[in-house]
Protein backbone atom coordinates (compact mmCIF):
# COMPACT_ATOMS: atom_id res chain seq x y z
CA UNK A 1 2.76 17.49 -2.83
CA UNK A 2 -0.57 18.60 -1.34
CA UNK A 3 -2.21 15.22 -1.66
CA UNK A 4 0.59 13.25 -0.02
CA UNK A 5 0.81 12.04 3.44
CA UNK A 6 2.46 14.43 5.56
CA UNK A 7 4.19 11.52 7.66
CA UNK A 8 5.38 8.62 5.54
CA UNK A 9 5.50 5.13 7.54
CA UNK A 10 7.50 1.95 6.67
CA UNK A 11 8.27 -1.14 8.45
CA UNK A 12 11.37 -3.47 8.19
CA UNK A 13 10.73 -6.37 10.39
CA UNK A 14 10.82 -4.52 14.23
CA UNK A 15 12.24 -1.14 12.61
CA UNK A 16 9.57 1.39 11.95
CA UNK A 17 10.89 4.52 9.74
CA UNK A 18 8.57 7.87 10.15
CA UNK A 19 9.57 10.03 7.36
CA UNK A 20 8.63 14.07 7.30
CA UNK A 21 7.07 14.17 3.80
CA UNK A 22 7.28 17.97 2.96
CA UNK A 23 10.65 18.08 1.71
CA UNK A 24 10.10 20.74 -0.92
CA UNK A 25 9.65 23.18 1.95
CA UNK A 26 12.10 21.82 4.43
CA UNK A 27 9.40 19.78 6.37
CA UNK A 28 7.82 22.72 8.59
CA UNK A 29 6.29 21.22 11.80
CA UNK A 30 2.76 22.89 10.80
CA UNK A 31 -0.23 21.72 12.71
CA UNK A 32 -0.95 19.18 10.00
CA UNK A 33 2.45 17.85 10.15
CA UNK A 34 2.59 17.57 14.09
CA UNK A 35 -1.10 16.07 13.85
CA UNK A 36 0.36 13.58 11.20
CA UNK A 37 3.24 12.64 13.37
CA UNK A 38 1.32 12.22 16.53
CA UNK A 39 -1.15 9.74 14.89
CA UNK A 40 2.02 7.59 14.09
CA UNK A 41 3.11 7.91 17.61
CA UNK A 42 0.08 6.92 19.21
CA UNK A 43 -0.17 3.64 16.89
CA UNK A 44 3.44 2.90 18.01
CA UNK A 45 2.75 3.23 21.82
CA UNK A 46 0.75 0.24 21.78
CA UNK A 47 2.63 -1.77 18.98
CA UNK A 48 5.01 -4.11 20.82
CA UNK A 49 6.05 -5.71 17.46
CA UNK A 50 7.74 -2.45 16.73
CA UNK A 51 11.09 -2.33 18.41
CA UNK A 52 12.89 0.71 17.13
CA UNK A 53 11.68 3.99 15.57
CA UNK A 54 13.67 6.23 12.96
CA UNK A 55 12.76 9.48 12.52
CA UNK A 56 13.74 10.66 8.98
CA UNK A 57 12.82 13.69 6.56
CA UNK A 58 12.50 13.72 2.80
CA UNK A 59 14.10 16.42 0.65
CA UNK A 60 17.21 18.76 1.36
CA UNK A 61 16.99 18.79 5.29
CA UNK A 62 15.45 17.61 8.12
CA UNK A 63 13.18 20.32 9.52
CA UNK A 64 13.26 23.91 9.55
CA UNK A 65 10.87 24.30 12.53
CA UNK A 66 7.25 25.62 12.53
CA UNK A 67 5.52 27.18 9.83
CA UNK A 68 6.03 31.00 9.90
CA UNK A 69 3.21 31.75 7.04
CA UNK A 70 0.87 29.51 9.29
CA UNK A 71 1.91 31.51 12.47
CA UNK A 72 1.15 34.88 10.54
CA UNK A 73 -2.11 33.76 9.12
CA UNK A 74 -3.69 32.30 12.42
CA UNK A 75 -2.60 34.78 14.96
CA UNK A 76 -4.02 34.63 18.22
CA UNK A 77 -2.68 33.78 21.91
CA UNK A 78 -5.42 30.87 22.41
CA UNK A 79 -4.91 29.34 19.17
CA UNK A 80 -1.31 29.26 19.57
CA UNK A 81 -1.24 28.04 23.34
CA UNK A 82 -3.82 25.30 22.90
CA UNK A 83 -3.50 24.72 19.28
CA UNK A 84 0.27 24.64 17.74
CA UNK A 85 2.36 24.90 20.90
CA UNK A 86 0.17 22.61 23.12
CA UNK A 87 0.00 19.97 20.23
CA UNK A 88 3.67 20.10 19.25
CA UNK A 89 4.67 20.03 23.23
CA UNK A 90 2.41 16.78 23.51
CA UNK A 91 4.11 15.48 20.37
CA UNK A 92 7.82 15.92 21.73
CA UNK A 93 6.73 14.66 25.13
CA UNK A 94 5.28 11.45 23.49
CA UNK A 95 8.42 10.93 21.73
CA UNK A 96 10.05 10.02 25.35
CA UNK A 97 7.10 7.90 26.37
CA UNK A 98 7.15 5.36 23.38
CA UNK A 99 8.15 2.19 24.46
CA UNK A 100 10.69 1.88 21.69
CA UNK A 101 14.16 3.80 21.10
CA UNK A 102 13.65 6.50 18.95
CA UNK A 103 16.66 7.48 16.84
CA UNK A 104 16.72 10.94 14.71
CA UNK A 105 18.24 10.58 11.19
CA UNK A 106 19.55 14.20 10.67
CA UNK A 107 20.51 15.62 7.47
CA UNK A 108 20.67 19.14 6.29
CA UNK A 109 19.05 21.66 8.29
CA UNK A 110 17.65 21.21 11.63
CA UNK A 111 16.51 24.62 13.19
CA UNK A 112 13.94 25.83 15.57
CA UNK A 113 11.33 23.39 16.55
CA UNK A 114 13.30 21.08 14.04
CA UNK A 115 16.24 21.31 16.14
CA UNK A 116 13.97 20.38 19.16
CA UNK A 117 12.78 17.46 17.40
CA UNK A 118 16.31 16.23 17.31
CA UNK A 119 16.76 16.64 21.05
CA UNK A 120 13.55 15.14 21.93
CA UNK A 121 14.64 11.74 20.17
CA UNK A 122 16.50 8.95 22.37
CA UNK A 123 19.54 8.78 19.72
CA UNK A 124 20.59 11.32 16.76
CA UNK A 125 22.96 10.53 13.91
CA UNK A 126 23.86 13.23 11.81
CA UNK A 127 25.34 13.64 8.12
CA UNK A 128 28.36 15.95 8.07
CA UNK A 129 26.27 18.22 5.96
CA UNK A 130 23.64 18.74 8.93
CA UNK A 131 23.53 22.14 10.68
CA UNK A 132 21.51 23.12 13.49
CA UNK A 133 20.10 26.41 15.24
CA UNK A 134 17.50 28.15 17.27
CA UNK A 135 17.11 31.28 15.14
CA UNK A 136 13.98 32.67 16.39
CA UNK A 137 15.85 35.72 18.04
CA UNK A 138 16.92 36.74 14.48
CA UNK A 139 13.05 37.29 13.57
CA UNK A 140 11.73 38.30 16.78
CA UNK A 141 10.49 35.05 18.37
CA UNK A 142 12.55 33.69 21.01
CA UNK A 143 13.09 29.59 20.52
CA UNK A 144 11.54 29.36 23.82
CA UNK A 145 9.76 25.80 23.34
CA UNK A 146 12.86 24.48 21.52
CA UNK A 147 14.97 25.37 24.26
CA UNK A 148 13.09 22.79 26.65
CA UNK A 149 14.48 20.05 24.68
CA UNK A 150 17.92 21.39 23.44
CA UNK A 151 18.64 22.68 27.17
CA UNK A 152 17.88 19.25 28.42
CA UNK A 153 20.66 18.11 25.82
CA UNK A 154 23.51 20.32 25.88
CA UNK A 155 25.13 22.24 28.75
CA UNK A 156 23.28 25.88 29.80
CA UNK A 157 25.82 27.87 28.56
CA UNK A 158 26.03 26.45 25.01
CA UNK A 159 22.22 26.39 24.97
CA UNK A 160 22.06 30.26 25.58
CA UNK A 161 24.84 30.85 23.09
CA UNK A 162 22.48 29.17 20.28
CA UNK A 163 19.42 31.15 21.62
CA UNK A 164 21.20 34.66 22.07
CA UNK A 165 22.94 34.33 19.05
CA UNK A 166 20.73 32.37 16.45
CA UNK A 167 23.64 31.27 14.63
CA UNK A 168 23.94 28.07 12.66
CA UNK A 169 26.24 25.45 14.12
CA UNK A 170 27.90 22.53 12.23
CA UNK A 171 27.31 18.91 12.94
CA UNK A 172 30.81 18.40 14.29
CA UNK A 173 29.93 21.25 16.80
CA UNK A 174 26.47 19.58 17.68
CA UNK A 175 28.50 16.42 18.33
CA UNK A 176 30.96 18.35 20.74
CA UNK A 177 28.34 19.70 22.47
CA UNK A 178 26.06 16.66 22.79
CA UNK A 179 22.95 17.19 20.56
CA UNK A 180 23.83 14.24 18.32
CA UNK A 181 25.64 10.86 19.18
CA UNK A 182 27.31 10.41 15.77
CA UNK A 183 28.49 12.29 12.47
CA UNK A 184 29.04 10.56 9.52
CA UNK A 185 29.34 11.27 5.91
CA UNK A 186 25.72 11.52 4.22
CA UNK A 187 26.23 8.21 2.26
CA UNK A 188 27.08 6.28 5.62
CA UNK A 189 24.01 7.57 7.36
CA UNK A 190 21.67 4.87 7.09
CA UNK A 191 24.67 2.29 7.73
CA UNK A 192 25.47 4.25 11.17
CA UNK A 193 22.05 4.27 12.44
CA UNK A 194 21.94 0.50 11.36
CA UNK A 195 24.48 -0.29 13.75
CA UNK A 196 22.54 1.08 16.83
CA UNK A 197 19.41 -0.58 15.43
CA UNK A 198 21.29 -3.81 15.42
CA UNK A 199 22.45 -3.39 18.95
CA UNK A 200 18.93 -2.57 20.32
CA UNK A 201 17.14 -5.70 18.36
CA UNK A 202 19.77 -7.96 20.20
CA UNK A 203 18.57 -6.75 23.75
CA UNK A 204 15.12 -7.36 25.62
CA UNK A 205 12.40 -4.97 24.51
CA UNK A 206 10.95 -5.29 27.92
CA UNK A 207 14.15 -4.08 29.43
CA UNK A 208 14.31 -1.51 27.17
CA UNK A 209 10.89 -0.03 27.64
CA UNK A 210 11.06 -0.09 31.29
CA UNK A 211 14.68 1.52 31.38
CA UNK A 212 13.43 4.31 28.84
CA UNK A 213 10.55 5.09 30.76
CA UNK A 214 12.45 5.54 34.07
CA UNK A 215 15.35 7.29 32.59
CA UNK A 216 12.94 10.09 31.46
CA UNK A 217 11.03 10.09 34.78
CA UNK A 218 13.86 10.47 37.26
CA UNK A 219 16.10 12.85 35.11
CA UNK A 220 14.66 15.93 36.22
CA UNK A 221 13.59 14.48 39.79
CA UNK A 222 15.56 15.79 42.79
CA UNK A 223 18.36 13.41 43.83
CA UNK A 224 17.02 11.19 46.60
CA UNK A 225 13.66 11.03 44.63
CA UNK A 226 15.52 9.92 41.35
CA UNK A 227 17.22 7.16 43.36
CA UNK A 228 13.77 6.18 44.73
CA UNK A 229 12.45 5.95 41.06
CA UNK A 230 15.46 4.25 39.72
CA UNK A 231 15.92 1.88 42.64
CA UNK A 232 12.06 1.07 42.31
CA UNK A 233 12.51 0.22 38.57
CA UNK A 234 15.61 -1.98 39.41
CA UNK A 235 13.58 -3.95 41.56
CA UNK A 236 10.86 -4.77 39.18
CA UNK A 237 13.73 -5.46 36.53
CA UNK A 238 15.29 -8.23 38.40
CA UNK A 239 11.92 -9.90 38.92
CA UNK A 240 11.53 -9.93 35.09
CA UNK A 241 11.79 -13.36 33.09
CA UNK A 242 14.44 -11.46 30.89
CA UNK A 243 16.56 -10.77 33.83
CA UNK A 244 16.94 -14.22 34.97
CA UNK A 245 17.59 -15.12 31.53
CA UNK A 246 20.06 -12.76 30.80
CA UNK A 247 22.43 -13.34 33.77
CA UNK A 248 22.17 -17.03 33.39
CA UNK A 249 23.09 -16.30 29.75
CA UNK A 250 26.20 -14.46 30.54
CA UNK A 251 27.15 -16.81 33.30
CA UNK A 252 26.66 -19.77 31.15
CA UNK A 253 28.54 -17.82 28.34
CA UNK A 254 25.60 -18.35 25.58
CA UNK A 255 23.43 -16.01 23.70
CA UNK A 256 20.19 -14.96 26.09
CA UNK A 257 16.96 -16.04 24.67
CA UNK A 258 14.58 -12.87 25.45
CA UNK A 259 11.04 -13.33 26.19
CA UNK A 260 9.82 -9.89 26.62
């Protein structure tokens, strides 16, 4: 597997699937894996022909998180801060900056930074065999960076439960807590994801891009500032050609012909 790409990219029309490709090791988020994924995200940032991104994984599980062997071999605060964690944090944030909605396709384990990766996607569909954990406390490494994403998906008490116990949680629990959107049998995973894909493809790409950008910009702002950010986006949105087309189509009881 060493001569294989760390991330596979495939396209079906406007749908791009990025697949973590170290399944024999549960797709650890090594620096090589993070770099490979960052390269693909950078390409997509300027690709308006791509409408939806699916983040999937090869093998028996989604991702077991950072590569512990790599972390032990390359010890050092400067390397960790500027290298592994700096690069990983940039990649995680860039998922939210993509113009396209990103859907996590989760099967098997999604632990530590792998769980973080799920949390940073816009939507997540999990198979019934998926399991989730922030288990760093079990080995003396508190999952502080994974908690950034997970703590913005689920409530504080649940996030601390995951962080303090390091226990594994099943897909049903992840759904109840808000970490994933849907849980389906493994054989139905792609079918359920395609439901989201088809809905998104039927909407204006320009409107979705602007809306996604504003959502992440305002979500952690103070209330008044958040309304200012969102209100400014609404004004710009209403001046878009697709806004006039969408409202006209609704009132005219016809399908819209999106331009953006």
